[in-house]
Amino acid sequence: MESSETVKFSVETEREKEIKNTLQVVYQALTVKGYNPINQIIGYILSGDPTYITSFNNARNLLTKIERDEILEELVKSYIKNM
């Protein structure tokens, strides 16, 4: 039995995984503290001001270890992939 479907493999780098995991931690920390996580993350990306991110659960420290352009790149890739 032959299949004519193309099989796609997703190769995710360790850095991409780290960024995704960090964003999940940050999102959860902001949610737990009662913030709107989308607005806070956008505020941080646009301004570079780390006070947009809560220090709860080490979220601020984790996020500031990643360059903002890397975060934006990952978000755009994920958005395009899921269109």
PDB file of N, CA and C in Angstrom:
ATOM      1  N   MET A   1       0.839  -1.173   0.000  1.00  0.00           N
ATOM      2  CA  MET A   1       0.000   0.000   0.000  1.00  0.00           C
ATOM      3  C   MET A   1       0.888   1.242   0.000  1.00  0.00           C
ATOM      4  N   GLU A   2       0.758   2.045  -1.042  1.00  0.00           N
ATOM      5  CA  GLU A   2       1.551   3.252  -1.154  1.00  0.00           C
ATOM      6  C   GLU A   2       0.714   4.465  -0.820  1.00  0.00           C
ATOM      7  N   SER A   3       1.344   5.441  -0.230  1.00  0.00           N
ATOM      8  CA  SER A   3       0.672   6.683   0.119  1.00  0.00           C
ATOM      9  C   SER A   3       1.329   7.815  -0.652  1.00  0.00           C
ATOM     10  N   SER A   4       0.495   8.689  -1.211  1.00  0.00           N
ATOM     11  CA  SER A   4       1.048   9.814  -1.957  1.00  0.00           C
ATOM     12  C   SER A   4       1.130  11.074  -1.111  1.00  0.00           C
ATOM     13  N   GLU A   5       0.787  10.943   0.161  1.00  0.00           N
ATOM     14  CA  GLU A   5       0.839  12.100   1.044  1.00  0.00           C
ATOM     15  C   GLU A   5       2.272  12.403   1.443  1.00  0.00           C
ATOM     16  N   THR A   6       2.576  13.671   1.504  1.00  0.00           N
ATOM     17  CA  THR A   6       3.884  14.102   1.956  1.00  0.00           C
ATOM     18  C   THR A   6       3.893  14.154   3.471  1.00  0.00           C
ATOM     19  N   VAL A   7       4.905  13.573   4.051  1.00  0.00           N
ATOM     20  CA  VAL A   7       5.036  13.593   5.498  1.00  0.00           C
ATOM     21  C   VAL A   7       5.932  14.760   5.866  1.00  0.00           C
ATOM     22  N   LYS A   8       5.459  15.595   6.777  1.00  0.00           N
ATOM     23  CA  LYS A   8       6.237  16.739   7.229  1.00  0.00           C
ATOM     24  C   LYS A   8       6.805  16.460   8.612  1.00  0.00           C
ATOM     25  N   PHE A   9       8.051  16.794   8.778  1.00  0.00           N
ATOM     26  CA  PHE A   9       8.696  16.639  10.067  1.00  0.00           C
ATOM     27  C   PHE A   9       8.995  18.013  10.638  1.00  0.00           C
ATOM     28  N   SER A  10       8.686  18.187  11.888  1.00  0.00           N
ATOM     29  CA  SER A  10       8.959  19.456  12.546  1.00  0.00           C
ATOM     30  C   SER A  10      10.214  19.314  13.391  1.00  0.00           C
ATOM     31  N   VAL A  11      11.209  20.063  13.045  1.00  0.00           N
ATOM     32  CA  VAL A  11      12.450  20.039  13.800  1.00  0.00           C
ATOM     33  C   VAL A  11      12.529  21.349  14.573  1.00  0.00           C
ATOM     34  N   GLU A  12      12.371  21.226  15.861  1.00  0.00           N
ATOM     35  CA  GLU A  12      12.383  22.400  16.717  1.00  0.00           C
ATOM     36  C   GLU A  12      13.720  22.445  17.446  1.00  0.00           C
ATOM     37  N   THR A  13      14.377  23.567  17.367  1.00  0.00           N
ATOM     38  CA  THR A  13      15.671  23.688  18.032  1.00  0.00           C
ATOM     39  C   THR A  13      15.474  23.808  19.542  1.00  0.00           C
ATOM     40  N   GLU A  14      16.527  23.567  20.259  1.00  0.00           N
ATOM     41  CA  GLU A  14      16.482  23.704  21.715  1.00  0.00           C
ATOM     42  C   GLU A  14      16.130  25.140  22.104  1.00  0.00           C
ATOM     43  N   ARG A  15      16.665  26.110  21.360  1.00  0.00           N
ATOM     44  CA  ARG A  15      16.387  27.517  21.664  1.00  0.00           C
ATOM     45  C   ARG A  15      14.904  27.827  21.475  1.00  0.00           C
ATOM     46  N   GLU A  16      14.298  27.307  20.402  1.00  0.00           N
ATOM     47  CA  GLU A  16      12.870  27.521  20.174  1.00  0.00           C
ATOM     48  C   GLU A  16      12.049  26.929  21.313  1.00  0.00           C
ATOM     49  N   LYS A  17      12.438  25.738  21.762  1.00  0.00           N
ATOM     50  CA  LYS A  17      11.742  25.101  22.884  1.00  0.00           C
ATOM     51  C   LYS A  17      11.878  25.940  24.148  1.00  0.00           C
ATOM     52  N   GLU A  18      13.078  26.459  24.379  1.00  0.00           N
ATOM     53  CA  GLU A  18      13.324  27.288  25.559  1.00  0.00           C
ATOM     54  C   GLU A  18      12.448  28.544  25.533  1.00  0.00           C
ATOM     55  N   ILE A  19      12.350  29.174  24.369  1.00  0.00           N
ATOM     56  CA  ILE A  19      11.542  30.385  24.245  1.00  0.00           C
ATOM     57  C   ILE A  19      10.068  30.064  24.479  1.00  0.00           C
ATOM     58  N   LYS A  20       9.581  28.990  23.880  1.00  0.00           N
ATOM     59  CA  LYS A  20       8.176  28.603  24.063  1.00  0.00           C
ATOM     60  C   LYS A  20       7.878  28.275  25.523  1.00  0.00           C
ATOM     61  N   ASN A  21       8.758  27.528  26.153  1.00  0.00           N
ATOM     62  CA  ASN A  21       8.561  27.174  27.563  1.00  0.00           C
ATOM     63  C   ASN A  21       8.571  28.418  28.449  1.00  0.00           C
ATOM     64  N   THR A  22       9.485  29.329  28.165  1.00  0.00           N
ATOM     65  CA  THR A  22       9.567  30.571  28.937  1.00  0.00           C
ATOM     66  C   THR A  22       8.291  31.382  28.776  1.00  0.00           C
ATOM     67  N   LEU A  23       7.808  31.497  27.544  1.00  0.00           N
ATOM     68  CA  LEU A  23       6.568  32.241  27.321  1.00  0.00           C
ATOM     69  C   LEU A  23       5.394  31.610  28.064  1.00  0.00           C
ATOM     70  N   GLN A  24       5.362  30.293  28.136  1.00  0.00           N
ATOM     71  CA  GLN A  24       4.297  29.617  28.881  1.00  0.00           C
ATOM     72  C   GLN A  24       4.386  29.923  30.378  1.00  0.00           C
ATOM     73  N   VAL A  25       5.588  29.896  30.921  1.00  0.00           N
ATOM     74  CA  VAL A  25       5.795  30.207  32.336  1.00  0.00           C
ATOM     75  C   VAL A  25       5.373  31.648  32.621  1.00  0.00           C
ATOM     76  N   VAL A  26       5.799  32.563  31.755  1.00  0.00           N
ATOM     77  CA  VAL A  26       5.477  33.982  31.929  1.00  0.00           C
ATOM     78  C   VAL A  26       3.968  34.196  31.826  1.00  0.00           C
ATOM     79  N   TYR A  27       3.355  33.591  30.835  1.00  0.00           N
ATOM     80  CA  TYR A  27       1.904  33.712  30.642  1.00  0.00           C
ATOM     81  C   TYR A  27       1.154  33.237  31.894  1.00  0.00           C
ATOM     82  N   GLN A  28       1.536  32.091  32.412  1.00  0.00           N
ATOM     83  CA  GLN A  28       0.885  31.543  33.606  1.00  0.00           C
ATOM     84  C   GLN A  28       1.103  32.428  34.827  1.00  0.00           C
ATOM     85  N   ALA A  29       2.322  32.919  34.995  1.00  0.00           N
ATOM     86  CA  ALA A  29       2.625  33.779  36.143  1.00  0.00           C
ATOM     87  C   ALA A  29       1.797  35.057  36.090  1.00  0.00           C
ATOM     88  N   LEU A  30       1.697  35.656  34.914  1.00  0.00           N
ATOM     89  CA  LEU A  30       0.902  36.876  34.768  1.00  0.00           C
ATOM     90  C   LEU A  30      -0.574  36.603  35.031  1.00  0.00           C
ATOM     91  N   THR A  31      -1.064  35.469  34.551  1.00  0.00           N
ATOM     92  CA  THR A  31      -2.464  35.096  34.761  1.00  0.00           C
ATOM     93  C   THR A  31      -2.757  34.900  36.252  1.00  0.00           C
ATOM     94  N   VAL A  32      -1.881  34.172  36.930  1.00  0.00           N
ATOM     95  CA  VAL A  32      -2.060  33.910  38.364  1.00  0.00           C
ATOM     96  C   VAL A  32      -2.091  35.214  39.158  1.00  0.00           C
ATOM     97  N   LYS A  33      -1.257  36.159  38.754  1.00  0.00           N
ATOM     98  CA  LYS A  33      -1.196  37.436  39.479  1.00  0.00           C
ATOM     99  C   LYS A  33      -2.312  38.403  39.072  1.00  0.00           C
ATOM    100  N   GLY A  34      -3.171  37.983  38.141  1.00  0.00           N
ATOM    101  CA  GLY A  34      -4.331  38.787  37.783  1.00  0.00           C
ATOM    102  C   GLY A  34      -4.112  39.800  36.672  1.00  0.00           C
ATOM    103  N   TYR A  35      -2.996  39.709  35.975  1.00  0.00           N
ATOM    104  CA  TYR A  35      -2.718  40.611  34.857  1.00  0.00           C
ATOM    105  C   TYR A  35      -3.281  40.043  33.565  1.00  0.00           C
ATOM    106  N   ASN A  36      -3.430  40.901  32.561  1.00  0.00           N
ATOM    107  CA  ASN A  36      -3.765  40.444  31.221  1.00  0.00           C
ATOM    108  C   ASN A  36      -2.436  40.073  30.557  1.00  0.00           C
ATOM    109  N   PRO A  37      -2.146  38.785  30.409  1.00  0.00           N
ATOM    110  CA  PRO A  37      -0.816  38.371  29.954  1.00  0.00           C
ATOM    111  C   PRO A  37      -0.467  38.862  28.545  1.00  0.00           C
ATOM    112  N   ILE A  38      -1.435  38.910  27.662  1.00  0.00           N
ATOM    113  CA  ILE A  38      -1.162  39.363  26.299  1.00  0.00           C
ATOM    114  C   ILE A  38      -0.717  40.823  26.316  1.00  0.00           C
ATOM    115  N   ASN A  39      -1.479  41.670  27.002  1.00  0.00           N
ATOM    116  CA  ASN A  39      -1.128  43.094  27.077  1.00  0.00           C
ATOM    117  C   ASN A  39       0.228  43.306  27.733  1.00  0.00           C
ATOM    118  N   GLN A  40       0.515  42.561  28.771  1.00  0.00           N
ATOM    119  CA  GLN A  40       1.780  42.728  29.491  1.00  0.00           C
ATOM    120  C   GLN A  40       2.966  42.291  28.637  1.00  0.00           C
ATOM    121  N   ILE A  41       2.836  41.166  27.953  1.00  0.00           N
ATOM    122  CA  ILE A  41       3.927  40.677  27.106  1.00  0.00           C
ATOM    123  C   ILE A  41       4.155  41.635  25.939  1.00  0.00           C
ATOM    124  N   ILE A  42       3.078  42.128  25.339  1.00  0.00           N
ATOM    125  CA  ILE A  42       3.204  43.103  24.251  1.00  0.00           C
ATOM    126  C   ILE A  42       3.888  44.371  24.764  1.00  0.00           C
ATOM    127  N   GLY A  43       3.477  44.839  25.924  1.00  0.00           N
ATOM    128  CA  GLY A  43       4.106  46.017  26.511  1.00  0.00           C
ATOM    129  C   GLY A  43       5.596  45.822  26.689  1.00  0.00           C
ATOM    130  N   TYR A  44       5.986  44.659  27.166  1.00  0.00           N
ATOM    131  CA  TYR A  44       7.409  44.360  27.351  1.00  0.00           C
ATOM    132  C   TYR A  44       8.145  44.328  26.010  1.00  0.00           C
ATOM    133  N   ILE A  45       7.570  43.635  25.021  1.00  0.00           N
ATOM    134  CA  ILE A  45       8.235  43.522  23.722  1.00  0.00           C
ATOM    135  C   ILE A  45       8.417  44.901  23.087  1.00  0.00           C
ATOM    136  N   LEU A  46       7.390  45.736  23.147  1.00  0.00           N
ATOM    137  CA  LEU A  46       7.457  47.054  22.510  1.00  0.00           C
ATOM    138  C   LEU A  46       8.386  48.023  23.235  1.00  0.00           C
ATOM    139  N   SER A  47       8.372  47.984  24.552  1.00  0.00           N
ATOM    140  CA  SER A  47       9.118  48.995  25.316  1.00  0.00           C
ATOM    141  C   SER A  47      10.475  48.510  25.825  1.00  0.00           C
ATOM    142  N   GLY A  48      10.583  47.208  26.054  1.00  0.00           N
ATOM    143  CA  GLY A  48      11.800  46.680  26.672  1.00  0.00           C
ATOM    144  C   GLY A  48      11.820  46.861  28.175  1.00  0.00           C
ATOM    145  N   ASP A  49      10.733  47.393  28.727  1.00  0.00           N
ATOM    146  CA  ASP A  49      10.638  47.646  30.165  1.00  0.00           C
ATOM    147  C   ASP A  49      10.250  46.355  30.892  1.00  0.00           C
ATOM    148  N   PRO A  50      11.154  45.766  31.659  1.00  0.00           N
ATOM    149  CA  PRO A  50      10.877  44.487  32.316  1.00  0.00           C
ATOM    150  C   PRO A  50       9.798  44.557  33.393  1.00  0.00           C
ATOM    151  N   THR A  51       9.439  45.766  33.835  1.00  0.00           N
ATOM    152  CA  THR A  51       8.409  45.849  34.882  1.00  0.00           C
ATOM    153  C   THR A  51       7.023  45.478  34.364  1.00  0.00           C
ATOM    154  N   TYR A  52       6.878  45.304  33.061  1.00  0.00           N
ATOM    155  CA  TYR A  52       5.615  44.779  32.520  1.00  0.00           C
ATOM    156  C   TYR A  52       5.408  43.325  32.926  1.00  0.00           C
ATOM    157  N   ILE A  53       6.498  42.655  33.297  1.00  0.00           N
ATOM    158  CA  ILE A  53       6.448  41.229  33.627  1.00  0.00           C
ATOM    159  C   ILE A  53       6.631  41.056  35.131  1.00  0.00           C
ATOM    160  N   THR A  54       5.734  40.287  35.727  1.00  0.00           N
ATOM    161  CA  THR A  54       5.813  40.030  37.166  1.00  0.00           C
ATOM    162  C   THR A  54       7.080  39.248  37.513  1.00  0.00           C
ATOM    163  N   SER A  55       7.578  39.484  38.711  1.00  0.00           N
ATOM    164  CA  SER A  55       8.729  38.700  39.172  1.00  0.00           C
ATOM    165  C   SER A  55       8.269  37.371  39.793  1.00  0.00           C
ATOM    166  N   PHE A  56       6.952  37.215  39.950  1.00  0.00           N
ATOM    167  CA  PHE A  56       6.380  35.984  40.483  1.00  0.00           C
ATOM    168  C   PHE A  56       6.845  34.783  39.654  1.00  0.00           C
ATOM    169  N   ASN A  57       7.222  33.728  40.323  1.00  0.00           N
ATOM    170  CA  ASN A  57       7.649  32.476  39.692  1.00  0.00           C
ATOM    171  C   ASN A  57       8.871  32.680  38.777  1.00  0.00           C
ATOM    172  N   ASN A  58       9.672  33.717  39.075  1.00  0.00           N
ATOM    173  CA  ASN A  58      10.895  34.008  38.332  1.00  0.00           C
ATOM    174  C   ASN A  58      10.634  34.390  36.864  1.00  0.00           C
ATOM    175  N   ALA A  59       9.388  34.797  36.548  1.00  0.00           N
ATOM    176  CA  ALA A  59       8.999  35.069  35.168  1.00  0.00           C
ATOM    177  C   ALA A  59       9.820  36.192  34.543  1.00  0.00           C
ATOM    178  N   ARG A  60      10.005  37.284  35.263  1.00  0.00           N
ATOM    179  CA  ARG A  60      10.747  38.420  34.710  1.00  0.00           C
ATOM    180  C   ARG A  60      12.185  38.024  34.380  1.00  0.00           C
ATOM    181  N   ASN A  61      12.835  37.359  35.293  1.00  0.00           N
ATOM    182  CA  ASN A  61      14.217  36.940  35.081  1.00  0.00           C
ATOM    183  C   ASN A  61      14.336  36.005  33.876  1.00  0.00           C
ATOM    184  N   LEU A  62      13.431  35.056  33.761  1.00  0.00           N
ATOM    185  CA  LEU A  62      13.467  34.125  32.635  1.00  0.00           C
ATOM    186  C   LEU A  62      13.286  34.843  31.303  1.00  0.00           C
ATOM    187  N   LEU A  63      12.306  35.754  31.255  1.00  0.00           N
ATOM    188  CA  LEU A  63      11.995  36.420  29.993  1.00  0.00           C
ATOM    189  C   LEU A  63      13.102  37.379  29.568  1.00  0.00           C
ATOM    190  N   THR A  64      13.712  38.050  30.517  1.00  0.00           N
ATOM    191  CA  THR A  64      14.751  39.014  30.149  1.00  0.00           C
ATOM    192  C   THR A  64      16.060  38.347  29.699  1.00  0.00           C
ATOM    193  N   LYS A  65      16.158  37.042  29.854  1.00  0.00           N
ATOM    194  CA  LYS A  65      17.321  36.306  29.340  1.00  0.00           C
ATOM    195  C   LYS A  65      17.198  36.042  27.842  1.00  0.00           C
ATOM    196  N   ILE A  66      16.029  36.336  27.278  1.00  0.00           N
ATOM    197  CA  ILE A  66      15.774  36.118  25.854  1.00  0.00           C
ATOM    198  C   ILE A  66      15.658  37.480  25.182  1.00  0.00           C
ATOM    199  N   GLU A  67      16.324  37.638  24.044  1.00  0.00           N
ATOM    200  CA  GLU A  67      16.240  38.886  23.294  1.00  0.00           C
ATOM    201  C   GLU A  67      14.803  39.087  22.808  1.00  0.00           C
ATOM    202  N   ARG A  68      14.347  40.330  22.846  1.00  0.00           N
ATOM    203  CA  ARG A  68      12.968  40.619  22.428  1.00  0.00           C
ATOM    204  C   ARG A  68      12.720  40.239  20.974  1.00  0.00           C
ATOM    205  N   ASP A  69      13.711  40.410  20.108  1.00  0.00           N
ATOM    206  CA  ASP A  69      13.512  40.037  18.704  1.00  0.00           C
ATOM    207  C   ASP A  69      13.357  38.526  18.542  1.00  0.00           C
ATOM    208  N   GLU A  70      13.995  37.745  19.407  1.00  0.00           N
ATOM    209  CA  GLU A  70      13.831  36.285  19.376  1.00  0.00           C
ATOM    210  C   GLU A  70      12.405  35.903  19.788  1.00  0.00           C
ATOM    211  N   ILE A  71      11.889  36.595  20.787  1.00  0.00           N
ATOM    212  CA  ILE A  71      10.515  36.342  21.233  1.00  0.00           C
ATOM    213  C   ILE A  71       9.550  36.662  20.103  1.00  0.00           C
ATOM    214  N   LEU A  72       9.722  37.810  19.496  1.00  0.00           N
ATOM    215  CA  LEU A  72       8.856  38.231  18.405  1.00  0.00           C
ATOM    216  C   LEU A  72       8.941  37.260  17.229  1.00  0.00           C
ATOM    217  N   GLU A  73      10.137  36.828  16.902  1.00  0.00           N
ATOM    218  CA  GLU A  73      10.311  35.862  15.809  1.00  0.00           C
ATOM    219  C   GLU A  73       9.548  34.574  16.089  1.00  0.00           C
ATOM    220  N   GLU A  74       9.653  34.069  17.304  1.00  0.00           N
ATOM    221  CA  GLU A  74       8.967  32.831  17.682  1.00  0.00           C
ATOM    222  C   GLU A  74       7.450  33.004  17.616  1.00  0.00           C
ATOM    223  N   LEU A  75       6.956  34.146  18.085  1.00  0.00           N
ATOM    224  CA  LEU A  75       5.517  34.416  18.042  1.00  0.00           C
ATOM    225  C   LEU A  75       5.003  34.478  16.612  1.00  0.00           C
ATOM    226  N   VAL A  76       5.742  35.148  15.730  1.00  0.00           N
ATOM    227  CA  VAL A  76       5.323  35.254  14.330  1.00  0.00           C
ATOM    228  C   VAL A  76       5.368  33.886  13.654  1.00  0.00           C
ATOM    229  N   LYS A  77       6.429  33.126  13.887  1.00  0.00           N
ATOM    230  CA  LYS A  77       6.520  31.785  13.299  1.00  0.00           C
ATOM    231  C   LYS A  77       5.357  30.906  13.741  1.00  0.00           C
ATOM    232  N   SER A  78       5.036  30.964  15.013  1.00  0.00           N
ATOM    233  CA  SER A  78       3.938  30.175  15.544  1.00  0.00           C
ATOM    234  C   SER A  78       2.597  30.611  14.946  1.00  0.00           C
ATOM    235  N   TYR A  79       2.418  31.896  14.823  1.00  0.00           N
ATOM    236  CA  TYR A  79       1.175  32.430  14.247  1.00  0.00           C
ATOM    237  C   TYR A  79       1.021  31.973  12.797  1.00  0.00           C
ATOM    238  N   ILE A  80       2.073  32.135  12.001  1.00  0.00           N
ATOM    239  CA  ILE A  80       2.024  31.754  10.590  1.00  0.00           C
ATOM    240  C   ILE A  80       1.805  30.248  10.442  1.00  0.00           C
ATOM    241  N   LYS A  81       2.479  29.476  11.262  1.00  0.00           N
ATOM    242  CA  LYS A  81       2.362  28.018  11.210  1.00  0.00           C
ATOM    243  C   LYS A  81       0.925  27.554  11.501  1.00  0.00           C
ATOM    244  N   ASN A  82       0.239  28.270  12.370  1.00  0.00           N
ATOM    245  CA  ASN A  82      -1.112  27.871  12.791  1.00  0.00           C
ATOM    246  C   ASN A  82      -2.230  28.561  12.013  1.00  0.00           C
ATOM    247  N   MET A  83      -1.890  29.248  10.927  1.00  0.00           N
ATOM    248  CA  MET A  83      -2.909  29.928  10.121  1.00  0.00           C
ATOM    249  C   MET A  83      -3.764  28.924   9.362  1.00  0.00           C
TER     250      MET A  83
END
